[in-house]
Amino acid sequence: MDAKNWSVRVVRGGELVELGRVTENSERSARHKALRLFGVADYQVEVEGVRPRGVAIYPDEEFEVLLTSDEL
């Protein structure tokens, strides 16, 4: 199976925000990689305090991975 490019997105303030891209063979693998690269754990938020949301998937956010347009 060939690796594909996946866009990683979260919904913030009612808008989709693209965090970046990952390259994996399946949607499931892409979700796992997205969490490894962009995920922030509850304890990190507590220790580091509240700050503007950046390029990360926060514990209270839903995220999705979608094939990029060049993969369709």
PDB file of N, CA and C in Angstrom:
ATOM      1  N   MET A   1       0.850  -1.179   0.000  1.00  0.00           N
ATOM      2  CA  MET A   1       0.000   0.000   0.000  1.00  0.00           C
ATOM      3  C   MET A   1       0.896   1.243   0.000  1.00  0.00           C
ATOM      4  N   ASP A   2       0.574   2.206  -0.857  1.00  0.00           N
ATOM      5  CA  ASP A   2       1.369   3.420  -0.974  1.00  0.00           C
ATOM      6  C   ASP A   2       0.990   4.433   0.100  1.00  0.00           C
ATOM      7  N   ALA A   3       1.982   5.157   0.587  1.00  0.00           N
ATOM      8  CA  ALA A   3       1.740   6.218   1.551  1.00  0.00           C
ATOM      9  C   ALA A   3       1.002   7.367   0.860  1.00  0.00           C
ATOM     10  N   LYS A   4       0.122   8.025   1.611  1.00  0.00           N
ATOM     11  CA  LYS A   4      -0.671   9.141   1.095  1.00  0.00           C
ATOM     12  C   LYS A   4      -0.504  10.329   2.018  1.00  0.00           C
ATOM     13  N   ASN A   5      -0.778  11.509   1.491  1.00  0.00           N
ATOM     14  CA  ASN A   5      -0.712  12.740   2.272  1.00  0.00           C
ATOM     15  C   ASN A   5      -2.085  13.053   2.850  1.00  0.00           C
ATOM     16  N   TRP A   6      -2.104  13.370   4.138  1.00  0.00           N
ATOM     17  CA  TRP A   6      -3.333  13.663   4.864  1.00  0.00           C
ATOM     18  C   TRP A   6      -3.225  15.043   5.506  1.00  0.00           C
ATOM     19  N   SER A   7      -4.271  15.834   5.389  1.00  0.00           N
ATOM     20  CA  SER A   7      -4.351  17.130   6.033  1.00  0.00           C
ATOM     21  C   SER A   7      -4.926  16.923   7.438  1.00  0.00           C
ATOM     22  N   VAL A   8      -4.316  17.545   8.440  1.00  0.00           N
ATOM     23  CA  VAL A   8      -4.775  17.437   9.831  1.00  0.00           C
ATOM     24  C   VAL A   8      -5.469  18.741  10.188  1.00  0.00           C
ATOM     25  N   ARG A   9      -6.755  18.649  10.613  1.00  0.00           N
ATOM     26  CA  ARG A   9      -7.536  19.850  10.889  1.00  0.00           C
ATOM     27  C   ARG A   9      -8.324  19.721  12.185  1.00  0.00           C
ATOM     28  N   VAL A  10      -8.514  20.874  12.847  1.00  0.00           N
ATOM     29  CA  VAL A  10      -9.365  20.967  14.029  1.00  0.00           C
ATOM     30  C   VAL A  10     -10.400  22.064  13.773  1.00  0.00           C
ATOM     31  N   VAL A  11     -11.478  22.051  14.548  1.00  0.00           N
ATOM     32  CA  VAL A  11     -12.475  23.116  14.472  1.00  0.00           C
ATOM     33  C   VAL A  11     -12.255  24.043  15.660  1.00  0.00           C
ATOM     34  N   ARG A  12     -12.016  25.313  15.364  1.00  0.00           N
ATOM     35  CA  ARG A  12     -11.830  26.338  16.402  1.00  0.00           C
ATOM     36  C   ARG A  12     -12.674  27.546  16.052  1.00  0.00           C
ATOM     37  N   GLY A  13     -13.494  27.955  16.994  1.00  0.00           N
ATOM     38  CA  GLY A  13     -14.335  29.129  16.752  1.00  0.00           C
ATOM     39  C   GLY A  13     -15.239  28.959  15.557  1.00  0.00           C
ATOM     40  N   GLY A  14     -15.669  27.733  15.323  1.00  0.00           N
ATOM     41  CA  GLY A  14     -16.569  27.451  14.213  1.00  0.00           C
ATOM     42  C   GLY A  14     -15.896  27.366  12.858  1.00  0.00           C
ATOM     43  N   GLU A  15     -14.570  27.458  12.822  1.00  0.00           N
ATOM     44  CA  GLU A  15     -13.840  27.387  11.555  1.00  0.00           C
ATOM     45  C   GLU A  15     -12.852  26.233  11.569  1.00  0.00           C
ATOM     46  N   LEU A  16     -12.623  25.652  10.397  1.00  0.00           N
ATOM     47  CA  LEU A  16     -11.613  24.603  10.280  1.00  0.00           C
ATOM     48  C   LEU A  16     -10.232  25.239  10.216  1.00  0.00           C
ATOM     49  N   VAL A  17      -9.332  24.721  11.023  1.00  0.00           N
ATOM     50  CA  VAL A  17      -7.957  25.215  11.051  1.00  0.00           C
ATOM     51  C   VAL A  17      -7.039  24.055  10.678  1.00  0.00           C
ATOM     52  N   GLU A  18      -6.262  24.228   9.621  1.00  0.00           N
ATOM     53  CA  GLU A  18      -5.323  23.184   9.227  1.00  0.00           C
ATOM     54  C   GLU A  18      -4.045  23.331  10.047  1.00  0.00           C
ATOM     55  N   LEU A  19      -3.662  22.233  10.711  1.00  0.00           N
ATOM     56  CA  LEU A  19      -2.466  22.227  11.543  1.00  0.00           C
ATOM     57  C   LEU A  19      -1.230  21.817  10.762  1.00  0.00           C
ATOM     58  N   GLY A  20      -1.420  20.992   9.757  1.00  0.00           N
ATOM     59  CA  GLY A  20      -0.296  20.504   8.970  1.00  0.00           C
ATOM     60  C   GLY A  20      -0.693  19.265   8.212  1.00  0.00           C
ATOM     61  N   ARG A  21       0.311  18.512   7.818  1.00  0.00           N
ATOM     62  CA  ARG A  21       0.069  17.293   7.042  1.00  0.00           C
ATOM     63  C   ARG A  21       0.901  16.150   7.580  1.00  0.00           C
ATOM     64  N   VAL A  22       0.394  14.948   7.366  1.00  0.00           N
ATOM     65  CA  VAL A  22       1.132  13.736   7.703  1.00  0.00           C
ATOM     66  C   VAL A  22       1.080  12.812   6.494  1.00  0.00           C
ATOM     67  N   THR A  23       2.024  11.919   6.413  1.00  0.00           N
ATOM     68  CA  THR A  23       2.063  10.945   5.320  1.00  0.00           C
ATOM     69  C   THR A  23       1.990   9.556   5.927  1.00  0.00           C
ATOM     70  N   GLU A  24       0.936   8.838   5.585  1.00  0.00           N
ATOM     71  CA  GLU A  24       0.704   7.482   6.098  1.00  0.00           C
ATOM     72  C   GLU A  24      -0.086   6.678   5.087  1.00  0.00           C
ATOM     73  N   ASN A  25      -0.175   5.367   5.323  1.00  0.00           N
ATOM     74  CA  ASN A  25      -0.868   4.458   4.414  1.00  0.00           C
ATOM     75  C   ASN A  25      -2.380   4.438   4.585  1.00  0.00           C
ATOM     76  N   SER A  26      -2.869   4.720   5.798  1.00  0.00           N
ATOM     77  CA  SER A  26      -4.298   4.633   6.061  1.00  0.00           C
ATOM     78  C   SER A  26      -4.762   5.782   6.944  1.00  0.00           C
ATOM     79  N   GLU A  27      -6.076   5.995   6.987  1.00  0.00           N
ATOM     80  CA  GLU A  27      -6.633   7.050   7.830  1.00  0.00           C
ATOM     81  C   GLU A  27      -6.304   6.784   9.298  1.00  0.00           C
ATOM     82  N   ARG A  28      -6.420   5.539   9.712  1.00  0.00           N
ATOM     83  CA  ARG A  28      -6.133   5.192  11.103  1.00  0.00           C
ATOM     84  C   ARG A  28      -4.679   5.534  11.465  1.00  0.00           C
ATOM     85  N   SER A  29      -3.751   5.160  10.615  1.00  0.00           N
ATOM     86  CA  SER A  29      -2.338   5.474  10.854  1.00  0.00           C
ATOM     87  C   SER A  29      -2.105   6.979  10.836  1.00  0.00           C
ATOM     88  N   ALA A  30      -2.808   7.683   9.948  1.00  0.00           N
ATOM     89  CA  ALA A  30      -2.669   9.137   9.864  1.00  0.00           C
ATOM     90  C   ALA A  30      -3.168   9.801  11.147  1.00  0.00           C
ATOM     91  N   ARG A  31      -4.263   9.294  11.723  1.00  0.00           N
ATOM     92  CA  ARG A  31      -4.773   9.847  12.990  1.00  0.00           C
ATOM     93  C   ARG A  31      -3.771   9.631  14.120  1.00  0.00           C
ATOM     94  N   HIS A  32      -3.180   8.454  14.170  1.00  0.00           N
ATOM     95  CA  HIS A  32      -2.182   8.166  15.210  1.00  0.00           C
ATOM     96  C   HIS A  32      -0.973   9.082  15.065  1.00  0.00           C
ATOM     97  N   LYS A  33      -0.505   9.249  13.854  1.00  0.00           N
ATOM     98  CA  LYS A  33       0.659  10.099  13.625  1.00  0.00           C
ATOM     99  C   LYS A  33       0.335  11.558  13.947  1.00  0.00           C
ATOM    100  N   ALA A  34      -0.875  11.995  13.593  1.00  0.00           N
ATOM    101  CA  ALA A  34      -1.289  13.369  13.894  1.00  0.00           C
ATOM    102  C   ALA A  34      -1.263  13.619  15.403  1.00  0.00           C
ATOM    103  N   LEU A  35      -1.753  12.658  16.176  1.00  0.00           N
ATOM    104  CA  LEU A  35      -1.727  12.815  17.632  1.00  0.00           C
ATOM    105  C   LEU A  35      -0.301  12.836  18.164  1.00  0.00           C
ATOM    106  N   ARG A  36       0.569  11.990  17.606  1.00  0.00           N
ATOM    107  CA  ARG A  36       1.968  11.985  18.044  1.00  0.00           C
ATOM    108  C   ARG A  36       2.651  13.320  17.743  1.00  0.00           C
ATOM    109  N   LEU A  37       2.359  13.887  16.572  1.00  0.00           N
ATOM    110  CA  LEU A  37       3.029  15.120  16.165  1.00  0.00           C
ATOM    111  C   LEU A  37       2.403  16.383  16.757  1.00  0.00           C
ATOM    112  N   PHE A  38       1.077  16.414  16.837  1.00  0.00           N
ATOM    113  CA  PHE A  38       0.377  17.642  17.209  1.00  0.00           C
ATOM    114  C   PHE A  38      -0.361  17.576  18.541  1.00  0.00           C
ATOM    115  N   GLY A  39      -0.498  16.396  19.118  1.00  0.00           N
ATOM    116  CA  GLY A  39      -1.298  16.244  20.329  1.00  0.00           C
ATOM    117  C   GLY A  39      -0.663  16.869  21.565  1.00  0.00           C
ATOM    118  N   VAL A  40      -1.513  17.476  22.397  1.00  0.00           N
ATOM    119  CA  VAL A  40      -1.114  18.041  23.681  1.00  0.00           C
ATOM    120  C   VAL A  40      -1.926  17.311  24.750  1.00  0.00           C
ATOM    121  N   ALA A  41      -1.255  16.816  25.780  1.00  0.00           N
ATOM    122  CA  ALA A  41      -1.925  16.074  26.854  1.00  0.00           C
ATOM    123  C   ALA A  41      -2.490  17.027  27.910  1.00  0.00           C
ATOM    124  N   ASP A  42      -3.489  16.537  28.674  1.00  0.00           N
ATOM    125  CA  ASP A  42      -4.092  17.329  29.747  1.00  0.00           C
ATOM    126  C   ASP A  42      -3.045  17.892  30.695  1.00  0.00           C
ATOM    127  N   TYR A  43      -2.090  17.058  31.120  1.00  0.00           N
ATOM    128  CA  TYR A  43      -1.096  17.513  32.090  1.00  0.00           C
ATOM    129  C   TYR A  43      -0.224  18.635  31.528  1.00  0.00           C
ATOM    130  N   GLN A  44       0.003  18.643  30.220  1.00  0.00           N
ATOM    131  CA  GLN A  44       0.805  19.709  29.617  1.00  0.00           C
ATOM    132  C   GLN A  44       0.065  21.042  29.674  1.00  0.00           C
ATOM    133  N   VAL A  45      -1.240  20.994  29.458  1.00  0.00           N
ATOM    134  CA  VAL A  45      -2.048  22.210  29.518  1.00  0.00           C
ATOM    135  C   VAL A  45      -2.040  22.736  30.949  1.00  0.00           C
ATOM    136  N   GLU A  46      -2.187  21.845  31.938  1.00  0.00           N
ATOM    137  CA  GLU A  46      -2.205  22.250  33.334  1.00  0.00           C
ATOM    138  C   GLU A  46      -0.861  22.825  33.770  1.00  0.00           C
ATOM    139  N   VAL A  47       0.221  22.177  33.412  1.00  0.00           N
ATOM    140  CA  VAL A  47       1.555  22.616  33.824  1.00  0.00           C
ATOM    141  C   VAL A  47       1.952  23.914  33.130  1.00  0.00           C
ATOM    142  N   GLU A  48       1.683  24.000  31.841  1.00  0.00           N
ATOM    143  CA  GLU A  48       2.116  25.156  31.071  1.00  0.00           C
ATOM    144  C   GLU A  48       1.128  26.320  31.131  1.00  0.00           C
ATOM    145  N   GLY A  49      -0.064  26.068  31.645  1.00  0.00           N
ATOM    146  CA  GLY A  49      -1.056  27.129  31.787  1.00  0.00           C
ATOM    147  C   GLY A  49      -1.804  27.430  30.504  1.00  0.00           C
ATOM    148  N   VAL A  50      -2.710  28.365  30.611  1.00  0.00           N
ATOM    149  CA  VAL A  50      -3.537  28.749  29.466  1.00  0.00           C
ATOM    150  C   VAL A  50      -2.740  29.719  28.598  1.00  0.00           C
ATOM    151  N   ARG A  51      -2.744  29.459  27.339  1.00  0.00           N
ATOM    152  CA  ARG A  51      -2.085  30.345  26.378  1.00  0.00           C
ATOM    153  C   ARG A  51      -2.837  30.229  25.059  1.00  0.00           C
ATOM    154  N   PRO A  52      -2.605  31.134  24.139  1.00  0.00           N
ATOM    155  CA  PRO A  52      -3.321  31.053  22.857  1.00  0.00           C
ATOM    156  C   PRO A  52      -3.093  29.694  22.191  1.00  0.00           C
ATOM    157  N   ARG A  53      -4.114  29.216  21.549  1.00  0.00           N
ATOM    158  CA  ARG A  53      -4.014  27.917  20.887  1.00  0.00           C
ATOM    159  C   ARG A  53      -3.153  28.042  19.642  1.00  0.00           C
ATOM    160  N   GLY A  54      -2.227  27.115  19.544  1.00  0.00           N
ATOM    161  CA  GLY A  54      -1.313  27.138  18.416  1.00  0.00           C
ATOM    162  C   GLY A  54      -1.483  25.920  17.536  1.00  0.00           C
ATOM    163  N   VAL A  55      -0.392  25.477  16.968  1.00  0.00           N
ATOM    164  CA  VAL A  55      -0.386  24.326  16.071  1.00  0.00           C
ATOM    165  C   VAL A  55      -0.340  23.075  16.935  1.00  0.00           C
ATOM    166  N   ALA A  56      -1.514  22.722  17.458  1.00  0.00           N
ATOM    167  CA  ALA A  56      -1.620  21.563  18.339  1.00  0.00           C
ATOM    168  C   ALA A  56      -3.062  21.079  18.370  1.00  0.00           C
ATOM    169  N   ILE A  57      -3.221  19.819  18.744  1.00  0.00           N
ATOM    170  CA  ILE A  57      -4.539  19.246  18.994  1.00  0.00           C
ATOM    171  C   ILE A  57      -4.684  19.193  20.505  1.00  0.00           C
ATOM    172  N   TYR A  58      -5.592  19.983  21.054  1.00  0.00           N
ATOM    173  CA  TYR A  58      -5.794  20.052  22.494  1.00  0.00           C
ATOM    174  C   TYR A  58      -6.795  18.988  22.939  1.00  0.00           C
ATOM    175  N   PRO A  59      -6.727  18.580  24.212  1.00  0.00           N
ATOM    176  CA  PRO A  59      -7.581  17.482  24.707  1.00  0.00           C
ATOM    177  C   PRO A  59      -9.076  17.704  24.491  1.00  0.00           C
ATOM    178  N   ASP A  60      -9.519  18.946  24.455  1.00  0.00           N
ATOM    179  CA  ASP A  60     -10.948  19.224  24.308  1.00  0.00           C
ATOM    180  C   ASP A  60     -11.373  19.433  22.857  1.00  0.00           C
ATOM    181  N   GLU A  61     -10.490  19.145  21.910  1.00  0.00           N
ATOM    182  CA  GLU A  61     -10.795  19.369  20.498  1.00  0.00           C
ATOM    183  C   GLU A  61     -10.967  18.064  19.729  1.00  0.00           C
ATOM    184  N   GLU A  62     -11.882  18.108  18.799  1.00  0.00           N
ATOM    185  CA  GLU A  62     -12.032  17.037  17.822  1.00  0.00           C
ATOM    186  C   GLU A  62     -11.117  17.377  16.653  1.00  0.00           C
ATOM    187  N   PHE A  63     -10.573  16.351  16.021  1.00  0.00           N
ATOM    188  CA  PHE A  63      -9.744  16.603  14.848  1.00  0.00           C
ATOM    189  C   PHE A  63     -10.072  15.589  13.777  1.00  0.00           C
ATOM    190  N   GLU A  64      -9.637  15.906  12.573  1.00  0.00           N
ATOM    191  CA  GLU A  64      -9.867  14.996  11.453  1.00  0.00           C
ATOM    192  C   GLU A  64      -8.638  14.967  10.573  1.00  0.00           C
ATOM    193  N   VAL A  65      -8.506  13.889   9.849  1.00  0.00           N
ATOM    194  CA  VAL A  65      -7.479  13.783   8.814  1.00  0.00           C
ATOM    195  C   VAL A  65      -8.205  13.496   7.504  1.00  0.00           C
ATOM    196  N   LEU A  66      -7.869  14.264   6.500  1.00  0.00           N
ATOM    197  CA  LEU A  66      -8.502  14.111   5.185  1.00  0.00           C
ATOM    198  C   LEU A  66      -7.428  14.014   4.129  1.00  0.00           C
ATOM    199  N   LEU A  67      -7.668  13.168   3.140  1.00  0.00           N
ATOM    200  CA  LEU A  67      -6.734  13.082   2.019  1.00  0.00           C
ATOM    201  C   LEU A  67      -6.569  14.458   1.396  1.00  0.00           C
ATOM    202  N   THR A  68      -5.349  14.822   1.085  1.00  0.00           N
ATOM    203  CA  THR A  68      -5.124  16.108   0.430  1.00  0.00           C
ATOM    204  C   THR A  68      -5.620  16.041  -1.007  1.00  0.00           C
ATOM    205  N   SER A  69      -5.836  17.183  -1.608  1.00  0.00           N
ATOM    206  CA  SER A  69      -6.391  17.221  -2.956  1.00  0.00           C
ATOM    207  C   SER A  69      -5.503  16.509  -3.976  1.00  0.00           C
ATOM    208  N   ASP A  70      -4.200  16.472  -3.739  1.00  0.00           N
ATOM    209  CA  ASP A  70      -3.326  15.782  -4.693  1.00  0.00           C
ATOM    210  C   ASP A  70      -3.438  14.269  -4.590  1.00  0.00           C
ATOM    211  N   GLU A  71      -4.136  13.767  -3.567  1.00  0.00           N
ATOM    212  CA  GLU A  71      -4.328  12.329  -3.384  1.00  0.00           C
ATOM    213  C   GLU A  71      -5.678  11.844  -3.902  1.00  0.00           C
ATOM    214  N   LEU A  72      -6.569  12.767  -4.225  1.00  0.00           N
ATOM    215  CA  LEU A  72      -7.929  12.389  -4.664  1.00  0.00           C
ATOM    216  C   LEU A  72      -7.951  11.991  -6.115  1.00  0.00           C
TER     217      LEU A  72
END
